[in-house]
Amino acid sequence: MFTGIVEGTGTVVEAVDTDDGRRLRIDHGFESLSRGQSISVSGVCLTVEAFSDAWFEVFLAAETVEKTYLGDAAPGDRVNLERALPADGRLDGHIVQGHVDTTTTVEAVERVGEDWRFTFALPDGYERYVVSKGSIALDGVSLTVADLDDDAGTFAVAVVPTTSDLTTLSAKAVGDPVHVEVDVVAKYVERLDEY
C-alpha cells in the first residue's frame, strides 16, 4: 500500500523488451532498497528484481504494459517514485494500491497564483468513482478533485508548488497521458451495495 505522497523522481535509464514482458532500469535516490520490495513507479506498483546504490530494475507483465503507459517508457523519461508504506508509517495522502485503473490525458494546464490547475478527461467507465472533493491518484500522486464537470467530461485538480517541485506533474502538457487510480473505498462500497 502507498499514500500517494511521492518521495521523489527517478529517470528511466534502460528499457528492454523481451518475449515475457518488459524490464525497466530506473535510477533512484533512496538510501537503501531490497529485492522483492514494492515501489510505486508513477502510480504503478512494481517489484524490485535487482538493484544497486544508483538504480533498480522492475519487470512489467503484459497486463501492466497494456493498462499503463510504461510500455512506452524510454531512457530519459522521469517517473514518480514512492516506497510502500511501513506498518507504523503516517498516512498523509490517501490509500493508494498502485493498481492503476486506466489512463487519461491532460486537457488543460493553467497557472492560478502560485498553484496550477490541471484539467483531465474523465475516463470512460470511471465517472462514478470521481467525486468533487474526493481523492484520486494521478501518476501516483494523491490529489483532491477540485472540480468535476460531467457535461464536459472533465475533472480538475489543484497542484501546489511543493507537489509540482517533487513530482513529474510539472512536466506534463496538454495531451500527455497520466495513470489514474480511483479511490478504492468507492469501489468496495459499490461492491458491497450489490449484495
N, C-alpha and C. Protein backbone atom coordinates (compact mmCIF):
# COMPACT_ATOMS: atom_id res chain seq x y z
N MET A 1 0.84 -1.18 0.00
CA MET A 1 0.00 0.00 0.00
C MET A 1 0.88 1.24 0.00
N PHE A 2 0.38 2.28 -0.67
CA PHE A 2 1.10 3.55 -0.76
C PHE A 2 0.18 4.67 -0.26
N THR A 3 0.73 5.86 -0.20
CA THR A 3 -0.05 7.00 0.28
C THR A 3 -0.29 8.04 -0.79
N GLY A 4 0.44 7.96 -1.90
CA GLY A 4 0.33 8.99 -2.92
C GLY A 4 1.18 10.21 -2.60
N ILE A 5 1.98 10.12 -1.55
CA ILE A 5 2.93 11.19 -1.23
C ILE A 5 4.26 10.79 -1.84
N VAL A 6 4.51 11.27 -3.04
CA VAL A 6 5.69 10.89 -3.82
C VAL A 6 6.96 11.33 -3.09
N GLU A 7 7.93 10.41 -3.02
CA GLU A 7 9.19 10.71 -2.31
C GLU A 7 10.17 11.48 -3.20
N GLY A 8 10.04 11.30 -4.49
CA GLY A 8 10.95 11.97 -5.42
C GLY A 8 10.75 11.39 -6.80
N THR A 9 11.62 11.77 -7.71
CA THR A 9 11.53 11.24 -9.07
C THR A 9 12.79 10.47 -9.40
N GLY A 10 12.66 9.60 -10.38
CA GLY A 10 13.79 8.87 -10.93
C GLY A 10 13.74 9.00 -12.43
N THR A 11 14.76 8.50 -13.08
CA THR A 11 14.83 8.55 -14.54
C THR A 11 15.03 7.15 -15.09
N VAL A 12 14.26 6.81 -16.11
CA VAL A 12 14.45 5.53 -16.78
C VAL A 12 15.80 5.57 -17.47
N VAL A 13 16.67 4.61 -17.15
CA VAL A 13 17.99 4.57 -17.78
C VAL A 13 18.10 3.46 -18.81
N GLU A 14 17.17 2.49 -18.74
CA GLU A 14 17.18 1.41 -19.72
C GLU A 14 15.79 0.79 -19.80
N ALA A 15 15.37 0.44 -20.99
CA ALA A 15 14.11 -0.25 -21.21
C ALA A 15 14.36 -1.39 -22.19
N VAL A 16 14.05 -2.62 -21.75
CA VAL A 16 14.33 -3.79 -22.57
C VAL A 16 13.05 -4.60 -22.73
N ASP A 17 12.67 -4.86 -23.98
CA ASP A 17 11.50 -5.68 -24.28
C ASP A 17 11.94 -7.12 -24.54
N THR A 18 11.23 -8.06 -23.92
CA THR A 18 11.51 -9.49 -24.13
C THR A 18 10.20 -10.18 -24.50
N ASP A 19 10.28 -11.47 -24.79
CA ASP A 19 9.09 -12.24 -25.09
C ASP A 19 8.15 -12.32 -23.89
N ASP A 20 8.72 -12.24 -22.69
CA ASP A 20 7.94 -12.37 -21.46
C ASP A 20 7.31 -11.07 -21.01
N GLY A 21 7.85 -9.95 -21.42
CA GLY A 21 7.37 -8.66 -20.95
C GLY A 21 8.42 -7.58 -21.14
N ARG A 22 8.45 -6.67 -20.22
CA ARG A 22 9.35 -5.52 -20.35
C ARG A 22 10.06 -5.26 -19.03
N ARG A 23 11.33 -4.92 -19.12
CA ARG A 23 12.09 -4.58 -17.92
C ARG A 23 12.56 -3.14 -18.02
N LEU A 24 12.44 -2.44 -16.89
CA LEU A 24 12.93 -1.06 -16.80
C LEU A 24 14.01 -0.99 -15.75
N ARG A 25 15.04 -0.23 -16.05
CA ARG A 25 16.05 0.12 -15.05
C ARG A 25 15.87 1.61 -14.78
N ILE A 26 15.74 1.95 -13.51
CA ILE A 26 15.41 3.31 -13.11
C ILE A 26 16.41 3.78 -12.06
N ASP A 27 16.94 4.99 -12.23
CA ASP A 27 17.84 5.50 -11.19
C ASP A 27 17.01 5.98 -10.01
N HIS A 28 17.63 6.05 -8.85
CA HIS A 28 16.89 6.42 -7.64
C HIS A 28 17.81 7.15 -6.66
N GLY A 29 17.19 7.79 -5.68
CA GLY A 29 17.95 8.48 -4.64
C GLY A 29 17.70 7.90 -3.26
N PHE A 30 17.16 6.68 -3.19
CA PHE A 30 16.87 6.06 -1.91
C PHE A 30 18.15 5.61 -1.22
N GLU A 31 18.14 5.64 0.11
CA GLU A 31 19.32 5.20 0.87
C GLU A 31 19.50 3.70 0.79
N SER A 32 18.40 2.97 0.78
CA SER A 32 18.52 1.51 0.69
C SER A 32 17.28 0.93 0.03
N LEU A 33 17.49 -0.18 -0.66
CA LEU A 33 16.42 -0.94 -1.29
C LEU A 33 16.66 -2.41 -0.98
N SER A 34 15.67 -3.24 -1.27
CA SER A 34 15.85 -4.67 -1.12
C SER A 34 15.12 -5.39 -2.24
N ARG A 35 15.61 -6.57 -2.56
CA ARG A 35 14.98 -7.38 -3.60
C ARG A 35 13.59 -7.80 -3.12
N GLY A 36 12.58 -7.68 -3.99
CA GLY A 36 11.22 -8.03 -3.63
C GLY A 36 10.42 -6.88 -3.06
N GLN A 37 11.06 -5.75 -2.85
CA GLN A 37 10.38 -4.57 -2.31
C GLN A 37 9.42 -3.99 -3.34
N SER A 38 8.29 -3.47 -2.86
CA SER A 38 7.33 -2.81 -3.74
C SER A 38 7.63 -1.33 -3.85
N ILE A 39 7.61 -0.84 -5.08
CA ILE A 39 7.82 0.59 -5.34
C ILE A 39 6.76 1.05 -6.32
N SER A 40 6.16 2.19 -6.03
CA SER A 40 5.22 2.81 -6.96
C SER A 40 6.02 3.62 -7.97
N VAL A 41 5.89 3.24 -9.24
CA VAL A 41 6.57 3.95 -10.32
C VAL A 41 5.49 4.67 -11.12
N SER A 42 5.39 5.98 -10.89
CA SER A 42 4.32 6.79 -11.48
C SER A 42 2.95 6.15 -11.25
N GLY A 43 2.78 5.64 -10.03
CA GLY A 43 1.49 5.09 -9.64
C GLY A 43 1.30 3.61 -9.88
N VAL A 44 2.28 2.95 -10.48
CA VAL A 44 2.19 1.52 -10.78
C VAL A 44 3.02 0.75 -9.76
N CYS A 45 2.38 -0.15 -9.00
CA CYS A 45 3.10 -0.96 -8.02
C CYS A 45 3.93 -2.00 -8.75
N LEU A 46 5.25 -1.91 -8.57
CA LEU A 46 6.18 -2.83 -9.22
C LEU A 46 7.13 -3.42 -8.17
N THR A 47 7.72 -4.56 -8.48
CA THR A 47 8.59 -5.27 -7.55
C THR A 47 10.04 -5.12 -7.98
N VAL A 48 10.89 -4.76 -7.03
CA VAL A 48 12.32 -4.63 -7.29
C VAL A 48 12.90 -6.02 -7.52
N GLU A 49 13.48 -6.24 -8.71
CA GLU A 49 14.10 -7.53 -9.03
C GLU A 49 15.60 -7.50 -8.79
N ALA A 50 16.22 -6.37 -9.08
CA ALA A 50 17.66 -6.19 -8.89
C ALA A 50 17.89 -4.72 -8.58
N PHE A 51 19.01 -4.42 -7.93
CA PHE A 51 19.24 -3.02 -7.56
C PHE A 51 20.72 -2.79 -7.25
N SER A 52 21.09 -1.54 -7.26
CA SER A 52 22.39 -1.09 -6.78
C SER A 52 22.15 0.18 -5.99
N ASP A 53 23.20 0.85 -5.60
CA ASP A 53 23.05 2.12 -4.89
C ASP A 53 22.48 3.21 -5.80
N ALA A 54 22.56 2.99 -7.12
CA ALA A 54 22.15 4.03 -8.06
C ALA A 54 20.90 3.71 -8.86
N TRP A 55 20.54 2.41 -8.99
CA TRP A 55 19.42 2.05 -9.85
C TRP A 55 18.69 0.83 -9.29
N PHE A 56 17.49 0.59 -9.81
CA PHE A 56 16.78 -0.66 -9.54
C PHE A 56 16.09 -1.10 -10.83
N GLU A 57 15.81 -2.40 -10.92
CA GLU A 57 15.15 -2.95 -12.09
C GLU A 57 13.80 -3.55 -11.70
N VAL A 58 12.81 -3.35 -12.57
CA VAL A 58 11.47 -3.90 -12.37
C VAL A 58 11.01 -4.57 -13.66
N PHE A 59 10.08 -5.51 -13.50
CA PHE A 59 9.51 -6.23 -14.63
C PHE A 59 8.07 -5.80 -14.82
N LEU A 60 7.69 -5.56 -16.06
CA LEU A 60 6.32 -5.19 -16.40
C LEU A 60 5.67 -6.38 -17.09
N ALA A 61 4.67 -6.96 -16.46
CA ALA A 61 3.91 -8.06 -17.08
C ALA A 61 3.06 -7.50 -18.22
N ALA A 62 2.53 -8.39 -19.02
CA ALA A 62 1.73 -7.97 -20.19
C ALA A 62 0.57 -7.07 -19.78
N GLU A 63 -0.12 -7.39 -18.67
CA GLU A 63 -1.25 -6.57 -18.23
C GLU A 63 -0.80 -5.16 -17.87
N THR A 64 0.37 -5.05 -17.24
CA THR A 64 0.89 -3.74 -16.88
C THR A 64 1.21 -2.92 -18.13
N VAL A 65 1.81 -3.56 -19.11
CA VAL A 65 2.13 -2.88 -20.37
C VAL A 65 0.84 -2.42 -21.05
N GLU A 66 -0.19 -3.26 -20.97
CA GLU A 66 -1.47 -2.95 -21.63
C GLU A 66 -2.22 -1.83 -20.93
N LYS A 67 -2.21 -1.81 -19.59
CA LYS A 67 -3.05 -0.86 -18.84
C LYS A 67 -2.36 0.46 -18.52
N THR A 68 -1.07 0.54 -18.72
CA THR A 68 -0.32 1.75 -18.35
C THR A 68 0.46 2.27 -19.55
N TYR A 69 1.04 3.45 -19.38
CA TYR A 69 1.88 3.97 -20.46
C TYR A 69 3.36 3.61 -20.25
N LEU A 70 3.66 2.77 -19.24
CA LEU A 70 5.06 2.37 -19.02
C LEU A 70 5.58 1.48 -20.14
N GLY A 71 4.67 0.93 -20.93
CA GLY A 71 5.09 0.16 -22.10
C GLY A 71 5.79 1.04 -23.13
N ASP A 72 5.58 2.34 -23.04
CA ASP A 72 6.22 3.29 -23.95
C ASP A 72 7.36 4.06 -23.29
N ALA A 73 7.63 3.76 -22.00
CA ALA A 73 8.69 4.49 -21.29
C ALA A 73 10.03 4.25 -21.98
N ALA A 74 10.81 5.32 -22.08
CA ALA A 74 12.09 5.26 -22.78
C ALA A 74 13.17 5.90 -21.92
N PRO A 75 14.43 5.55 -22.16
CA PRO A 75 15.51 6.18 -21.40
C PRO A 75 15.40 7.70 -21.45
N GLY A 76 15.57 8.31 -20.28
CA GLY A 76 15.46 9.76 -20.16
C GLY A 76 14.13 10.21 -19.59
N ASP A 77 13.11 9.33 -19.63
CA ASP A 77 11.80 9.68 -19.06
C ASP A 77 11.88 9.71 -17.54
N ARG A 78 11.29 10.75 -16.95
CA ARG A 78 11.22 10.85 -15.49
C ARG A 78 9.96 10.17 -14.98
N VAL A 79 10.06 9.56 -13.81
CA VAL A 79 8.92 8.87 -13.19
C VAL A 79 8.86 9.25 -11.71
N ASN A 80 7.64 9.23 -11.15
CA ASN A 80 7.46 9.45 -9.73
C ASN A 80 7.77 8.16 -8.98
N LEU A 81 8.39 8.30 -7.80
CA LEU A 81 8.76 7.13 -7.01
C LEU A 81 8.26 7.25 -5.58
N GLU A 82 7.70 6.16 -5.08
CA GLU A 82 7.30 6.08 -3.68
C GLU A 82 7.45 4.64 -3.22
N ARG A 83 8.15 4.46 -2.09
CA ARG A 83 8.24 3.13 -1.49
C ARG A 83 6.96 2.82 -0.72
N ALA A 84 6.68 1.53 -0.52
CA ALA A 84 5.47 1.12 0.18
C ALA A 84 5.45 1.68 1.60
N LEU A 85 4.24 1.91 2.09
CA LEU A 85 4.03 2.46 3.43
C LEU A 85 4.38 1.41 4.48
N PRO A 86 5.29 1.74 5.42
CA PRO A 86 5.56 0.79 6.51
C PRO A 86 4.35 0.72 7.45
N ALA A 87 4.22 -0.38 8.16
CA ALA A 87 3.06 -0.59 9.04
C ALA A 87 2.90 0.52 10.07
N ASP A 88 4.00 1.11 10.50
CA ASP A 88 3.93 2.17 11.52
C ASP A 88 4.08 3.56 10.90
N GLY A 89 3.88 3.66 9.59
CA GLY A 89 4.06 4.94 8.90
C GLY A 89 2.83 5.81 8.96
N ARG A 90 3.01 7.08 8.58
CA ARG A 90 1.92 8.05 8.55
C ARG A 90 1.20 7.97 7.21
N LEU A 91 -0.12 8.05 7.24
CA LEU A 91 -0.92 8.06 6.02
C LEU A 91 -1.28 9.52 5.73
N ASP A 92 -0.37 10.22 5.06
CA ASP A 92 -0.56 11.64 4.79
C ASP A 92 -1.42 11.91 3.56
N GLY A 93 -1.48 11.00 2.63
CA GLY A 93 -2.28 11.20 1.43
C GLY A 93 -3.60 10.46 1.56
N HIS A 94 -3.77 9.40 0.78
CA HIS A 94 -4.92 8.50 0.93
C HIS A 94 -4.47 7.10 0.56
N ILE A 95 -5.32 6.11 0.76
CA ILE A 95 -4.95 4.73 0.45
C ILE A 95 -4.81 4.56 -1.06
N VAL A 96 -3.59 4.26 -1.48
CA VAL A 96 -3.27 4.06 -2.89
C VAL A 96 -2.67 2.66 -3.02
N GLN A 97 -3.25 1.84 -3.87
CA GLN A 97 -2.79 0.47 -4.02
C GLN A 97 -1.66 0.32 -5.04
N GLY A 98 -1.58 1.25 -5.98
CA GLY A 98 -0.63 1.09 -7.06
C GLY A 98 -1.18 0.18 -8.15
N HIS A 99 -2.51 -0.04 -8.11
CA HIS A 99 -3.19 -0.84 -9.12
C HIS A 99 -3.92 0.14 -10.04
N VAL A 100 -3.24 0.55 -11.08
CA VAL A 100 -3.77 1.56 -11.99
C VAL A 100 -5.05 1.06 -12.65
N ASP A 101 -6.09 1.89 -12.60
CA ASP A 101 -7.37 1.53 -13.21
C ASP A 101 -7.37 1.79 -14.70
N THR A 102 -6.80 2.91 -15.11
CA THR A 102 -6.84 3.31 -16.51
C THR A 102 -5.88 4.47 -16.70
N THR A 103 -5.84 4.99 -17.91
CA THR A 103 -5.08 6.22 -18.16
C THR A 103 -6.04 7.27 -18.69
N THR A 104 -5.63 8.51 -18.60
CA THR A 104 -6.38 9.62 -19.18
C THR A 104 -5.37 10.62 -19.72
N THR A 105 -5.85 11.74 -20.23
CA THR A 105 -4.95 12.74 -20.79
C THR A 105 -5.18 14.10 -20.16
N VAL A 106 -4.12 14.89 -20.18
CA VAL A 106 -4.20 16.27 -19.71
C VAL A 106 -4.96 17.07 -20.76
N GLU A 107 -5.99 17.78 -20.31
CA GLU A 107 -6.79 18.61 -21.22
C GLU A 107 -6.40 20.08 -21.15
N ALA A 108 -5.93 20.54 -19.99
CA ALA A 108 -5.53 21.95 -19.84
C ALA A 108 -4.66 22.09 -18.61
N VAL A 109 -3.75 23.07 -18.66
CA VAL A 109 -2.92 23.44 -17.52
C VAL A 109 -2.97 24.95 -17.41
N GLU A 110 -3.34 25.44 -16.24
CA GLU A 110 -3.50 26.88 -16.03
C GLU A 110 -2.82 27.30 -14.73
N ARG A 111 -2.05 28.37 -14.81
CA ARG A 111 -1.43 28.91 -13.60
C ARG A 111 -2.46 29.74 -12.85
N VAL A 112 -2.60 29.48 -11.55
CA VAL A 112 -3.54 30.21 -10.72
C VAL A 112 -2.78 30.68 -9.48
N GLY A 113 -2.29 31.92 -9.52
CA GLY A 113 -1.44 32.41 -8.44
C GLY A 113 -0.17 31.60 -8.38
N GLU A 114 0.11 31.01 -7.22
CA GLU A 114 1.31 30.18 -7.08
C GLU A 114 1.03 28.72 -7.43
N ASP A 115 -0.25 28.37 -7.61
CA ASP A 115 -0.64 27.00 -7.90
C ASP A 115 -0.88 26.80 -9.39
N TRP A 116 -1.17 25.56 -9.75
CA TRP A 116 -1.56 25.20 -11.10
C TRP A 116 -2.87 24.44 -11.04
N ARG A 117 -3.72 24.66 -12.03
CA ARG A 117 -4.96 23.91 -12.16
C ARG A 117 -4.79 23.00 -13.38
N PHE A 118 -4.85 21.71 -13.14
CA PHE A 118 -4.76 20.71 -14.20
C PHE A 118 -6.15 20.15 -14.46
N THR A 119 -6.54 20.14 -15.72
CA THR A 119 -7.83 19.56 -16.11
C THR A 119 -7.54 18.29 -16.91
N PHE A 120 -8.29 17.23 -16.59
CA PHE A 120 -8.11 15.93 -17.22
C PHE A 120 -9.42 15.44 -17.80
N ALA A 121 -9.33 14.62 -18.83
CA ALA A 121 -10.52 13.96 -19.37
C ALA A 121 -11.00 12.95 -18.35
N LEU A 122 -12.32 12.90 -18.16
CA LEU A 122 -12.94 11.94 -17.25
C LEU A 122 -12.95 10.59 -17.97
N PRO A 123 -12.22 9.59 -17.44
CA PRO A 123 -12.12 8.32 -18.16
C PRO A 123 -13.46 7.59 -18.27
N ASP A 124 -13.75 7.09 -19.46
CA ASP A 124 -14.98 6.33 -19.70
C ASP A 124 -15.05 5.13 -18.76
N GLY A 125 -16.21 4.97 -18.13
CA GLY A 125 -16.42 3.85 -17.24
C GLY A 125 -16.01 4.10 -15.80
N TYR A 126 -15.35 5.21 -15.54
CA TYR A 126 -14.88 5.52 -14.18
C TYR A 126 -15.51 6.78 -13.62
N GLU A 127 -16.47 7.34 -14.34
CA GLU A 127 -17.10 8.60 -13.92
C GLU A 127 -17.68 8.51 -12.52
N ARG A 128 -18.30 7.39 -12.18
CA ARG A 128 -19.00 7.27 -10.89
C ARG A 128 -18.03 7.26 -9.70
N TYR A 129 -16.75 7.02 -9.95
CA TYR A 129 -15.77 6.97 -8.86
C TYR A 129 -15.09 8.31 -8.62
N VAL A 130 -15.32 9.26 -9.50
CA VAL A 130 -14.68 10.57 -9.36
C VAL A 130 -15.71 11.54 -8.81
N VAL A 131 -15.44 12.04 -7.59
CA VAL A 131 -16.39 12.92 -6.92
C VAL A 131 -15.69 14.21 -6.50
N SER A 132 -16.44 15.28 -6.51
CA SER A 132 -15.90 16.57 -6.09
C SER A 132 -15.40 16.48 -4.65
N LYS A 133 -14.20 16.95 -4.42
CA LYS A 133 -13.51 16.93 -3.12
C LYS A 133 -13.09 15.53 -2.69
N GLY A 134 -13.21 14.56 -3.59
CA GLY A 134 -12.75 13.21 -3.30
C GLY A 134 -11.29 13.03 -3.67
N SER A 135 -10.72 11.92 -3.26
CA SER A 135 -9.32 11.62 -3.55
C SER A 135 -9.19 10.87 -4.88
N ILE A 136 -8.07 11.14 -5.54
CA ILE A 136 -7.73 10.42 -6.77
C ILE A 136 -6.21 10.40 -6.87
N ALA A 137 -5.66 9.32 -7.40
CA ALA A 137 -4.20 9.23 -7.60
C ALA A 137 -3.92 9.37 -9.09
N LEU A 138 -3.10 10.35 -9.44
CA LEU A 138 -2.69 10.60 -10.82
C LEU A 138 -1.18 10.47 -10.90
N ASP A 139 -0.72 9.51 -11.69
CA ASP A 139 0.70 9.18 -11.75
C ASP A 139 1.28 8.93 -10.36
N GLY A 140 0.42 8.35 -9.49
CA GLY A 140 0.86 8.01 -8.15
C GLY A 140 0.79 9.13 -7.15
N VAL A 141 0.31 10.31 -7.56
CA VAL A 141 0.24 11.47 -6.68
C VAL A 141 -1.16 11.57 -6.10
N SER A 142 -1.27 11.60 -4.77
CA SER A 142 -2.55 11.78 -4.11
C SER A 142 -3.02 13.21 -4.29
N LEU A 143 -4.18 13.36 -4.94
CA LEU A 143 -4.72 14.69 -5.21
C LEU A 143 -6.20 14.72 -4.86
N THR A 144 -6.72 15.93 -4.71
CA THR A 144 -8.13 16.14 -4.42
C THR A 144 -8.82 16.69 -5.65
N VAL A 145 -9.96 16.11 -6.00
CA VAL A 145 -10.73 16.60 -7.14
C VAL A 145 -11.30 17.96 -6.76
N ALA A 146 -10.82 19.01 -7.42
CA ALA A 146 -11.26 20.37 -7.11
C ALA A 146 -12.53 20.74 -7.85
N ASP A 147 -12.71 20.15 -9.04
CA ASP A 147 -13.89 20.48 -9.84
C ASP A 147 -14.23 19.29 -10.71
N LEU A 148 -15.51 19.05 -10.87
CA LEU A 148 -15.99 17.95 -11.69
C LEU A 148 -17.03 18.50 -12.64
N ASP A 149 -16.82 18.30 -13.94
CA ASP A 149 -17.76 18.79 -14.95
C ASP A 149 -18.23 17.60 -15.78
N ASP A 150 -19.35 17.01 -15.35
CA ASP A 150 -19.87 15.84 -16.05
C ASP A 150 -20.26 16.17 -17.49
N ASP A 151 -20.79 17.37 -17.70
CA ASP A 151 -21.22 17.75 -19.06
C ASP A 151 -20.04 17.83 -20.02
N ALA A 152 -18.93 18.38 -19.54
CA ALA A 152 -17.74 18.48 -20.38
C ALA A 152 -16.92 17.20 -20.37
N GLY A 153 -17.20 16.32 -19.41
CA GLY A 153 -16.44 15.08 -19.30
C GLY A 153 -15.03 15.32 -18.81
N THR A 154 -14.89 16.24 -17.83
CA THR A 154 -13.56 16.56 -17.30
C THR A 154 -13.61 16.68 -15.78
N PHE A 155 -12.44 16.60 -15.18
CA PHE A 155 -12.28 16.93 -13.77
C PHE A 155 -10.97 17.69 -13.62
N ALA A 156 -10.88 18.46 -12.55
CA ALA A 156 -9.69 19.28 -12.35
C ALA A 156 -9.13 19.08 -10.94
N VAL A 157 -7.83 19.27 -10.82
CA VAL A 157 -7.15 19.23 -9.52
C VAL A 157 -6.26 20.46 -9.41
N ALA A 158 -6.01 20.85 -8.16
CA ALA A 158 -5.06 21.94 -7.91
C ALA A 158 -3.72 21.31 -7.52
N VAL A 159 -2.66 21.83 -8.11
CA VAL A 159 -1.32 21.33 -7.81
C VAL A 159 -0.54 22.46 -7.14
N VAL A 160 -0.16 22.24 -5.89
CA VAL A 160 0.57 23.25 -5.12
C VAL A 160 2.05 23.21 -5.51
N PRO A 161 2.81 24.29 -5.21
CA PRO A 161 4.22 24.34 -5.62
C PRO A 161 5.06 23.15 -5.16
N THR A 162 4.86 22.68 -3.93
CA THR A 162 5.66 21.55 -3.44
C THR A 162 5.40 20.30 -4.27
N THR A 163 4.15 20.02 -4.59
CA THR A 163 3.82 18.86 -5.42
C THR A 163 4.42 19.02 -6.81
N SER A 164 4.36 20.22 -7.33
CA SER A 164 4.95 20.49 -8.65
C SER A 164 6.46 20.24 -8.63
N ASP A 165 7.11 20.69 -7.56
CA ASP A 165 8.57 20.55 -7.44
C ASP A 165 9.01 19.10 -7.27
N LEU A 166 8.23 18.31 -6.53
CA LEU A 166 8.66 16.96 -6.15
C LEU A 166 8.18 15.86 -7.08
N THR A 167 7.33 16.19 -8.06
CA THR A 167 6.76 15.16 -8.93
C THR A 167 6.96 15.52 -10.40
N THR A 168 6.55 14.60 -11.25
CA THR A 168 6.66 14.82 -12.70
C THR A 168 5.50 15.63 -13.25
N LEU A 169 4.53 15.98 -12.41
CA LEU A 169 3.39 16.74 -12.91
C LEU A 169 3.81 18.07 -13.54
N SER A 170 4.90 18.65 -13.04
CA SER A 170 5.36 19.94 -13.58
C SER A 170 5.76 19.84 -15.05
N ALA A 171 6.06 18.64 -15.51
CA ALA A 171 6.47 18.46 -16.90
C ALA A 171 5.32 18.05 -17.82
N LYS A 172 4.13 17.84 -17.25
CA LYS A 172 3.00 17.40 -18.05
C LYS A 172 2.43 18.55 -18.88
N ALA A 173 2.05 18.22 -20.12
CA ALA A 173 1.47 19.21 -21.03
C ALA A 173 0.17 18.63 -21.61
N VAL A 174 -0.59 19.49 -22.25
CA VAL A 174 -1.85 19.06 -22.85
C VAL A 174 -1.59 17.89 -23.81
N GLY A 175 -2.40 16.85 -23.65
CA GLY A 175 -2.27 15.65 -24.48
C GLY A 175 -1.44 14.55 -23.86
N ASP A 176 -0.68 14.87 -22.81
CA ASP A 176 0.15 13.85 -22.16
C ASP A 176 -0.72 12.86 -21.38
N PRO A 177 -0.29 11.60 -21.33
CA PRO A 177 -1.04 10.60 -20.57
C PRO A 177 -0.70 10.65 -19.08
N VAL A 178 -1.65 10.25 -18.25
CA VAL A 178 -1.41 10.06 -16.82
C VAL A 178 -2.13 8.79 -16.38
N HIS A 179 -1.53 8.11 -15.40
CA HIS A 179 -2.17 6.94 -14.80
C HIS A 179 -3.24 7.41 -13.82
N VAL A 180 -4.35 6.70 -13.80
CA VAL A 180 -5.46 7.02 -12.90
C VAL A 180 -5.74 5.83 -12.00
N GLU A 181 -5.76 6.07 -10.70
CA GLU A 181 -6.27 5.09 -9.74
C GLU A 181 -7.34 5.79 -8.92
N VAL A 182 -8.58 5.34 -9.08
CA VAL A 182 -9.67 5.93 -8.32
C VAL A 182 -9.62 5.42 -6.89
N ASP A 183 -10.34 6.09 -6.00
CA ASP A 183 -10.34 5.74 -4.59
C ASP A 183 -10.90 4.34 -4.39
N VAL A 184 -10.10 3.44 -3.84
CA VAL A 184 -10.51 2.05 -3.66
C VAL A 184 -11.71 1.93 -2.73
N VAL A 185 -11.88 2.85 -1.81
CA VAL A 185 -13.02 2.79 -0.89
C VAL A 185 -14.33 2.85 -1.68
N ALA A 186 -14.38 3.69 -2.70
CA ALA A 186 -15.59 3.80 -3.52
C ALA A 186 -15.89 2.47 -4.22
N LYS A 187 -14.86 1.78 -4.67
CA LYS A 187 -15.07 0.51 -5.35
C LYS A 187 -15.59 -0.56 -4.38
N TYR A 188 -15.08 -0.56 -3.15
CA TYR A 188 -15.57 -1.51 -2.15
C TYR A 188 -17.02 -1.22 -1.77
N VAL A 189 -17.35 0.05 -1.61
CA VAL A 189 -18.72 0.43 -1.27
C VAL A 189 -19.68 -0.02 -2.38
N GLU A 190 -19.27 0.20 -3.63
CA GLU A 190 -20.10 -0.21 -4.76
C GLU A 190 -20.31 -1.72 -4.75
N ARG A 191 -19.26 -2.46 -4.49
CA ARG A 191 -19.34 -3.91 -4.49
C ARG A 191 -20.25 -4.40 -3.37
N LEU A 192 -20.12 -3.83 -2.18
CA LEU A 192 -20.95 -4.22 -1.05
C LEU A 192 -22.43 -3.91 -1.30
N ASP A 193 -22.67 -2.83 -2.04
CA ASP A 193 -24.03 -2.42 -2.33
C ASP A 193 -24.74 -3.40 -3.26
N GLU A 194 -23.95 -4.23 -3.95
CA GLU A 194 -24.53 -5.21 -4.87
C GLU A 194 -25.15 -6.40 -4.13
N TYR A 195 -24.83 -6.51 -2.84
CA TYR A 195 -25.33 -7.67 -2.06
C TYR A 195 -26.42 -7.28 -1.10
